[in-house]
Amino acid sequence: MKKWIKDWFLEILNQTFTLLGMFIAWVVLTGSAKTVVGWAILWATFVWLISMGIREKREEDLENESTSSDN
């Protein structure tokens, strides 16, 4: 559990400027556009964090394939 929290936190830090840009976009909007973009940002961030395990597994598989083909 600690590893997942640490990985999650590092993933957020790696995407700081992306999240900052989305936050700035949300701040400058008004009305219904602000609401729609706010929900889109929340859902995109949620899906991105949930899919972290899938992306890491795929990267490990690709690394294993490249290592085995080198031998």
PDB file of N, CA and C in Angstrom:
ATOM      1  N   MET A   1       0.822  -1.197   0.000  1.00  0.00           N
ATOM      2  CA  MET A   1       0.000   0.000   0.000  1.00  0.00           C
ATOM      3  C   MET A   1       0.867   1.262   0.000  1.00  0.00           C
ATOM      4  N   LYS A   2       1.964   1.240   0.786  1.00  0.00           N
ATOM      5  CA  LYS A   2       2.849   2.407   0.829  1.00  0.00           C
ATOM      6  C   LYS A   2       3.491   2.655  -0.527  1.00  0.00           C
ATOM      7  N   LYS A   3       3.855   1.567  -1.228  1.00  0.00           N
ATOM      8  CA  LYS A   3       4.474   1.714  -2.544  1.00  0.00           C
ATOM      9  C   LYS A   3       3.486   2.376  -3.510  1.00  0.00           C
ATOM     10  N   TRP A   4       2.222   1.975  -3.460  1.00  0.00           N
ATOM     11  CA  TRP A   4       1.225   2.551  -4.361  1.00  0.00           C
ATOM     12  C   TRP A   4       1.055   4.038  -4.077  1.00  0.00           C
ATOM     13  N   ILE A   5       1.010   4.410  -2.814  1.00  0.00           N
ATOM     14  CA  ILE A   5       0.861   5.828  -2.455  1.00  0.00           C
ATOM     15  C   ILE A   5       2.085   6.611  -2.915  1.00  0.00           C
ATOM     16  N   LYS A   6       3.279   6.041  -2.705  1.00  0.00           N
ATOM     17  CA  LYS A   6       4.503   6.708  -3.137  1.00  0.00           C
ATOM     18  C   LYS A   6       4.505   6.873  -4.663  1.00  0.00           C
ATOM     19  N   ASP A   7       4.154   5.808  -5.402  1.00  0.00           N
ATOM     20  CA  ASP A   7       4.111   5.877  -6.860  1.00  0.00           C
ATOM     21  C   ASP A   7       3.072   6.887  -7.328  1.00  0.00           C
ATOM     22  N   TRP A   8       1.939   6.916  -6.669  1.00  0.00           N
ATOM     23  CA  TRP A   8       0.863   7.855  -7.001  1.00  0.00           C
ATOM     24  C   TRP A   8       1.342   9.293  -6.813  1.00  0.00           C
ATOM     25  N   PHE A   9       2.001   9.540  -5.702  1.00  0.00           N
ATOM     26  CA  PHE A   9       2.514  10.883  -5.418  1.00  0.00           C
ATOM     27  C   PHE A   9       3.574  11.305  -6.436  1.00  0.00           C
ATOM     28  N   LEU A  10       4.489  10.390  -6.778  1.00  0.00           N
ATOM     29  CA  LEU A  10       5.511  10.696  -7.770  1.00  0.00           C
ATOM     30  C   LEU A  10       4.900  10.947  -9.145  1.00  0.00           C
ATOM     31  N   GLU A  11       3.864  10.218  -9.471  1.00  0.00           N
ATOM     32  CA  GLU A  11       3.163  10.421 -10.746  1.00  0.00           C
ATOM     33  C   GLU A  11       2.543  11.814 -10.800  1.00  0.00           C
ATOM     34  N   ILE A  12       1.962  12.244  -9.697  1.00  0.00           N
ATOM     35  CA  ILE A  12       1.391  13.599  -9.630  1.00  0.00           C
ATOM     36  C   ILE A  12       2.500  14.641  -9.795  1.00  0.00           C
ATOM     37  N   LEU A  13       3.626  14.445  -9.119  1.00  0.00           N
ATOM     38  CA  LEU A  13       4.735  15.394  -9.247  1.00  0.00           C
ATOM     39  C   LEU A  13       5.271  15.455 -10.676  1.00  0.00           C
ATOM     40  N   ASN A  14       5.315  14.306 -11.343  1.00  0.00           N
ATOM     41  CA  ASN A  14       5.798  14.276 -12.722  1.00  0.00           C
ATOM     42  C   ASN A  14       4.884  15.048 -13.665  1.00  0.00           C
ATOM     43  N   GLN A  15       3.629  15.171 -13.320  1.00  0.00           N
ATOM     44  CA  GLN A  15       2.662  15.844 -14.178  1.00  0.00           C
ATOM     45  C   GLN A  15       2.261  17.218 -13.648  1.00  0.00           C
ATOM     46  N   THR A  16       3.094  17.817 -12.831  1.00  0.00           N
ATOM     47  CA  THR A  16       2.779  19.090 -12.186  1.00  0.00           C
ATOM     48  C   THR A  16       2.396  20.169 -13.183  1.00  0.00           C
ATOM     49  N   PHE A  17       3.166  20.325 -14.234  1.00  0.00           N
ATOM     50  CA  PHE A  17       2.891  21.412 -15.177  1.00  0.00           C
ATOM     51  C   PHE A  17       1.622  21.148 -15.995  1.00  0.00           C
ATOM     52  N   THR A  18       1.352  19.889 -16.300  1.00  0.00           N
ATOM     53  CA  THR A  18       0.105  19.560 -16.990  1.00  0.00           C
ATOM     54  C   THR A  18      -1.082  19.914 -16.101  1.00  0.00           C
ATOM     55  N   LEU A  19      -1.014  19.507 -14.838  1.00  0.00           N
ATOM     56  CA  LEU A  19      -2.110  19.807 -13.919  1.00  0.00           C
ATOM     57  C   LEU A  19      -2.231  21.309 -13.669  1.00  0.00           C
ATOM     58  N   LEU A  20      -1.109  21.996 -13.605  1.00  0.00           N
ATOM     59  CA  LEU A  20      -1.132  23.444 -13.428  1.00  0.00           C
ATOM     60  C   LEU A  20      -1.800  24.116 -14.623  1.00  0.00           C
ATOM     61  N   GLY A  21      -1.475  23.677 -15.820  1.00  0.00           N
ATOM     62  CA  GLY A  21      -2.095  24.226 -17.021  1.00  0.00           C
ATOM     63  C   GLY A  21      -3.593  23.991 -17.050  1.00  0.00           C
ATOM     64  N   MET A  22      -4.026  22.799 -16.645  1.00  0.00           N
ATOM     65  CA  MET A  22      -5.468  22.516 -16.598  1.00  0.00           C
ATOM     66  C   MET A  22      -6.148  23.387 -15.549  1.00  0.00           C
ATOM     67  N   PHE A  23      -5.488  23.597 -14.418  1.00  0.00           N
ATOM     68  CA  PHE A  23      -6.066  24.430 -13.373  1.00  0.00           C
ATOM     69  C   PHE A  23      -6.199  25.879 -13.849  1.00  0.00           C
ATOM     70  N   ILE A  24      -5.175  26.392 -14.524  1.00  0.00           N
ATOM     71  CA  ILE A  24      -5.237  27.764 -15.042  1.00  0.00           C
ATOM     72  C   ILE A  24      -6.355  27.894 -16.068  1.00  0.00           C
ATOM     73  N   ALA A  25      -6.501  26.899 -16.937  1.00  0.00           N
ATOM     74  CA  ALA A  25      -7.589  26.922 -17.919  1.00  0.00           C
ATOM     75  C   ALA A  25      -8.939  26.968 -17.213  1.00  0.00           C
ATOM     76  N   TRP A  26      -9.077  26.200 -16.147  1.00  0.00           N
ATOM     77  CA  TRP A  26     -10.332  26.175 -15.407  1.00  0.00           C
ATOM     78  C   TRP A  26     -10.606  27.533 -14.748  1.00  0.00           C
ATOM     79  N   VAL A  27      -9.571  28.171 -14.201  1.00  0.00           N
ATOM     80  CA  VAL A  27      -9.729  29.449 -13.494  1.00  0.00           C
ATOM     81  C   VAL A  27     -10.197  30.555 -14.435  1.00  0.00           C
ATOM     82  N   VAL A  28      -9.682  30.590 -15.647  1.00  0.00           N
ATOM     83  CA  VAL A  28     -10.012  31.699 -16.545  1.00  0.00           C
ATOM     84  C   VAL A  28     -11.368  31.543 -17.222  1.00  0.00           C
ATOM     85  N   LEU A  29     -11.958  30.367 -17.156  1.00  0.00           N
ATOM     86  CA  LEU A  29     -13.274  30.173 -17.768  1.00  0.00           C
ATOM     87  C   LEU A  29     -14.378  30.675 -16.841  1.00  0.00           C
ATOM     88  N   THR A  30     -15.551  30.894 -17.428  1.00  0.00           N
ATOM     89  CA  THR A  30     -16.711  31.319 -16.642  1.00  0.00           C
ATOM     90  C   THR A  30     -17.929  30.512 -17.045  1.00  0.00           C
ATOM     91  N   GLY A  31     -18.917  30.513 -16.190  1.00  0.00           N
ATOM     92  CA  GLY A  31     -20.209  29.900 -16.497  1.00  0.00           C
ATOM     93  C   GLY A  31     -20.161  28.398 -16.658  1.00  0.00           C
ATOM     94  N   SER A  32     -20.981  27.907 -17.607  1.00  0.00           N
ATOM     95  CA  SER A  32     -21.099  26.469 -17.800  1.00  0.00           C
ATOM     96  C   SER A  32     -19.812  25.861 -18.355  1.00  0.00           C
ATOM     97  N   ALA A  33     -19.036  26.649 -19.089  1.00  0.00           N
ATOM     98  CA  ALA A  33     -17.755  26.133 -19.600  1.00  0.00           C
ATOM     99  C   ALA A  33     -16.837  25.763 -18.445  1.00  0.00           C
ATOM    100  N   LYS A  34     -16.846  26.569 -17.391  1.00  0.00           N
ATOM    101  CA  LYS A  34     -16.011  26.286 -16.224  1.00  0.00           C
ATOM    102  C   LYS A  34     -16.455  24.986 -15.563  1.00  0.00           C
ATOM    103  N   THR A  35     -17.745  24.778 -15.475  1.00  0.00           N
ATOM    104  CA  THR A  35     -18.270  23.555 -14.866  1.00  0.00           C
ATOM    105  C   THR A  35     -17.886  22.332 -15.689  1.00  0.00           C
ATOM    106  N   VAL A  36     -18.095  22.402 -16.991  1.00  0.00           N
ATOM    107  CA  VAL A  36     -17.791  21.267 -17.867  1.00  0.00           C
ATOM    108  C   VAL A  36     -16.300  20.953 -17.847  1.00  0.00           C
ATOM    109  N   VAL A  37     -15.463  21.962 -17.969  1.00  0.00           N
ATOM    110  CA  VAL A  37     -14.016  21.745 -17.967  1.00  0.00           C
ATOM    111  C   VAL A  37     -13.552  21.238 -16.602  1.00  0.00           C
ATOM    112  N   GLY A  38     -14.124  21.746 -15.535  1.00  0.00           N
ATOM    113  CA  GLY A  38     -13.773  21.265 -14.199  1.00  0.00           C
ATOM    114  C   GLY A  38     -14.050  19.781 -14.035  1.00  0.00           C
ATOM    115  N   TRP A  39     -15.232  19.348 -14.456  1.00  0.00           N
ATOM    116  CA  TRP A  39     -15.565  17.918 -14.375  1.00  0.00           C
ATOM    117  C   TRP A  39     -14.666  17.091 -15.292  1.00  0.00           C
ATOM    118  N   ALA A  40     -14.368  17.603 -16.471  1.00  0.00           N
ATOM    119  CA  ALA A  40     -13.481  16.881 -17.396  1.00  0.00           C
ATOM    120  C   ALA A  40     -12.087  16.714 -16.798  1.00  0.00           C
ATOM    121  N   ILE A  41     -11.594  17.755 -16.149  1.00  0.00           N
ATOM    122  CA  ILE A  41     -10.273  17.674 -15.511  1.00  0.00           C
ATOM    123  C   ILE A  41     -10.287  16.631 -14.395  1.00  0.00           C
ATOM    124  N   LEU A  42     -11.325  16.652 -13.563  1.00  0.00           N
ATOM    125  CA  LEU A  42     -11.410  15.682 -12.473  1.00  0.00           C
ATOM    126  C   LEU A  42     -11.466  14.246 -12.994  1.00  0.00           C
ATOM    127  N   TRP A  43     -12.309  14.006 -13.997  1.00  0.00           N
ATOM    128  CA  TRP A  43     -12.439  12.651 -14.549  1.00  0.00           C
ATOM    129  C   TRP A  43     -11.152  12.219 -15.237  1.00  0.00           C
ATOM    130  N   ALA A  44     -10.527  13.116 -15.983  1.00  0.00           N
ATOM    131  CA  ALA A  44      -9.275  12.765 -16.664  1.00  0.00           C
ATOM    132  C   ALA A  44      -8.180  12.422 -15.657  1.00  0.00           C
ATOM    133  N   THR A  45      -8.097  13.197 -14.587  1.00  0.00           N
ATOM    134  CA  THR A  45      -7.098  12.930 -13.546  1.00  0.00           C
ATOM    135  C   THR A  45      -7.384  11.598 -12.861  1.00  0.00           C
ATOM    136  N   PHE A  46      -8.644  11.327 -12.582  1.00  0.00           N
ATOM    137  CA  PHE A  46      -9.035  10.076 -11.942  1.00  0.00           C
ATOM    138  C   PHE A  46      -8.680   8.874 -12.818  1.00  0.00           C
ATOM    139  N   VAL A  47      -9.040   8.928 -14.088  1.00  0.00           N
ATOM    140  CA  VAL A  47      -8.742   7.823 -15.007  1.00  0.00           C
ATOM    141  C   VAL A  47      -7.239   7.657 -15.179  1.00  0.00           C
ATOM    142  N   TRP A  48      -6.529   8.760 -15.250  1.00  0.00           N
ATOM    143  CA  TRP A  48      -5.074   8.726 -15.396  1.00  0.00           C
ATOM    144  C   TRP A  48      -4.429   8.026 -14.207  1.00  0.00           C
ATOM    145  N   LEU A  49      -4.881   8.343 -12.988  1.00  0.00           N
ATOM    146  CA  LEU A  49      -4.314   7.702 -11.798  1.00  0.00           C
ATOM    147  C   LEU A  49      -4.704   6.232 -11.700  1.00  0.00           C
ATOM    148  N   ILE A  50      -5.936   5.913 -12.063  1.00  0.00           N
ATOM    149  CA  ILE A  50      -6.382   4.516 -12.014  1.00  0.00           C
ATOM    150  C   ILE A  50      -5.612   3.672 -13.024  1.00  0.00           C
ATOM    151  N   SER A  51      -5.327   4.239 -14.190  1.00  0.00           N
ATOM    152  CA  SER A  51      -4.639   3.483 -15.239  1.00  0.00           C
ATOM    153  C   SER A  51      -3.133   3.396 -15.011  1.00  0.00           C
ATOM    154  N   MET A  52      -2.643   3.981 -13.937  1.00  0.00           N
ATOM    155  CA  MET A  52      -1.213   3.976 -13.646  1.00  0.00           C
ATOM    156  C   MET A  52      -0.676   2.544 -13.571  1.00  0.00           C
ATOM    157  N   GLY A  53      -1.383   1.659 -12.938  1.00  0.00           N
ATOM    158  CA  GLY A  53      -0.947   0.267 -12.825  1.00  0.00           C
ATOM    159  C   GLY A  53      -0.850  -0.422 -14.172  1.00  0.00           C
ATOM    160  N   ILE A  54      -1.780  -0.140 -15.061  1.00  0.00           N
ATOM    161  CA  ILE A  54      -1.770  -0.737 -16.395  1.00  0.00           C
ATOM    162  C   ILE A  54      -0.564  -0.235 -17.180  1.00  0.00           C
ATOM    163  N   ARG A  55      -0.307   1.070 -17.114  1.00  0.00           N
ATOM    164  CA  ARG A  55       0.827   1.632 -17.843  1.00  0.00           C
ATOM    165  C   ARG A  55       2.145   1.087 -17.317  1.00  0.00           C
ATOM    166  N   GLU A  56       2.289   0.959 -16.009  1.00  0.00           N
ATOM    167  CA  GLU A  56       3.531   0.441 -15.432  1.00  0.00           C
ATOM    168  C   GLU A  56       3.765  -1.003 -15.837  1.00  0.00           C
ATOM    169  N   LYS A  57       2.715  -1.808 -15.844  1.00  0.00           N
ATOM    170  CA  LYS A  57       2.851  -3.202 -16.236  1.00  0.00           C
ATOM    171  C   LYS A  57       3.285  -3.302 -17.692  1.00  0.00           C
ATOM    172  N   ARG A  58       2.715  -2.483 -18.547  1.00  0.00           N
ATOM    173  CA  ARG A  58       3.074  -2.512 -19.963  1.00  0.00           C
ATOM    174  C   ARG A  58       4.531  -2.106 -20.155  1.00  0.00           C
ATOM    175  N   GLU A  59       4.993  -1.093 -19.429  1.00  0.00           N
ATOM    176  CA  GLU A  59       6.393  -0.668 -19.528  1.00  0.00           C
ATOM    177  C   GLU A  59       7.324  -1.791 -19.087  1.00  0.00           C
ATOM    178  N   GLU A  60       6.962  -2.509 -18.019  1.00  0.00           N
ATOM    179  CA  GLU A  60       7.783  -3.626 -17.550  1.00  0.00           C
ATOM    180  C   GLU A  60       7.828  -4.728 -18.599  1.00  0.00           C
ATOM    181  N   ASP A  61       6.687  -5.021 -19.225  1.00  0.00           N
ATOM    182  CA  ASP A  61       6.645  -6.050 -20.264  1.00  0.00           C
ATOM    183  C   ASP A  61       7.528  -5.667 -21.444  1.00  0.00           C
ATOM    184  N   LEU A  62       7.480  -4.397 -21.839  1.00  0.00           N
ATOM    185  CA  LEU A  62       8.310  -3.945 -22.955  1.00  0.00           C
ATOM    186  C   LEU A  62       9.794  -4.023 -22.607  1.00  0.00           C
ATOM    187  N   GLU A  63      10.138  -3.689 -21.371  1.00  0.00           N
ATOM    188  CA  GLU A  63      11.540  -3.785 -20.936  1.00  0.00           C
ATOM    189  C   GLU A  63      11.998  -5.238 -20.936  1.00  0.00           C
ATOM    190  N   ASN A  64      11.150  -6.141 -20.488  1.00  0.00           N
ATOM    191  CA  ASN A  64      11.498  -7.560 -20.466  1.00  0.00           C
ATOM    192  C   ASN A  64      11.679  -8.100 -21.879  1.00  0.00           C
ATOM    193  N   GLU A  65      10.842  -7.664 -22.814  1.00  0.00           N
ATOM    194  CA  GLU A  65      10.964  -8.108 -24.197  1.00  0.00           C
ATOM    195  C   GLU A  65      12.268  -7.619 -24.807  1.00  0.00           C
ATOM    196  N   SER A  66      12.627  -6.373 -24.549  1.00  0.00           N
ATOM    197  CA  SER A  66      13.857  -5.838 -25.132  1.00  0.00           C
ATOM    198  C   SER A  66      15.082  -6.515 -24.517  1.00  0.00           C
ATOM    199  N   THR A  67      15.015  -6.849 -23.235  1.00  0.00           N
ATOM    200  CA  THR A  67      16.133  -7.509 -22.584  1.00  0.00           C
ATOM    201  C   THR A  67      16.295  -8.923 -23.117  1.00  0.00           C
ATOM    202  N   SER A  68      15.203  -9.641 -23.320  1.00  0.00           N
ATOM    203  CA  SER A  68      15.296 -11.016 -23.800  1.00  0.00           C
ATOM    204  C   SER A  68      15.701 -11.075 -25.266  1.00  0.00           C
ATOM    205  N   SER A  69      15.380 -10.063 -26.065  1.00  0.00           N
ATOM    206  CA  SER A  69      15.778 -10.066 -27.461  1.00  0.00           C
ATOM    207  C   SER A  69      17.249  -9.716 -27.633  1.00  0.00           C
ATOM    208  N   ASP A  70      17.831  -9.029 -26.647  1.00  0.00           N
ATOM    209  CA  ASP A  70      19.252  -8.676 -26.701  1.00  0.00           C
ATOM    210  C   ASP A  70      20.149  -9.895 -26.493  1.00  0.00           C
ATOM    211  N   ASN A  71      19.644 -10.899 -25.778  1.00  0.00           N
ATOM    212  CA  ASN A  71      20.456 -12.076 -25.464  1.00  0.00           C
ATOM    213  C   ASN A  71      20.523 -12.950 -26.629  1.00  0.00           C
TER     214      ASN A  71
END
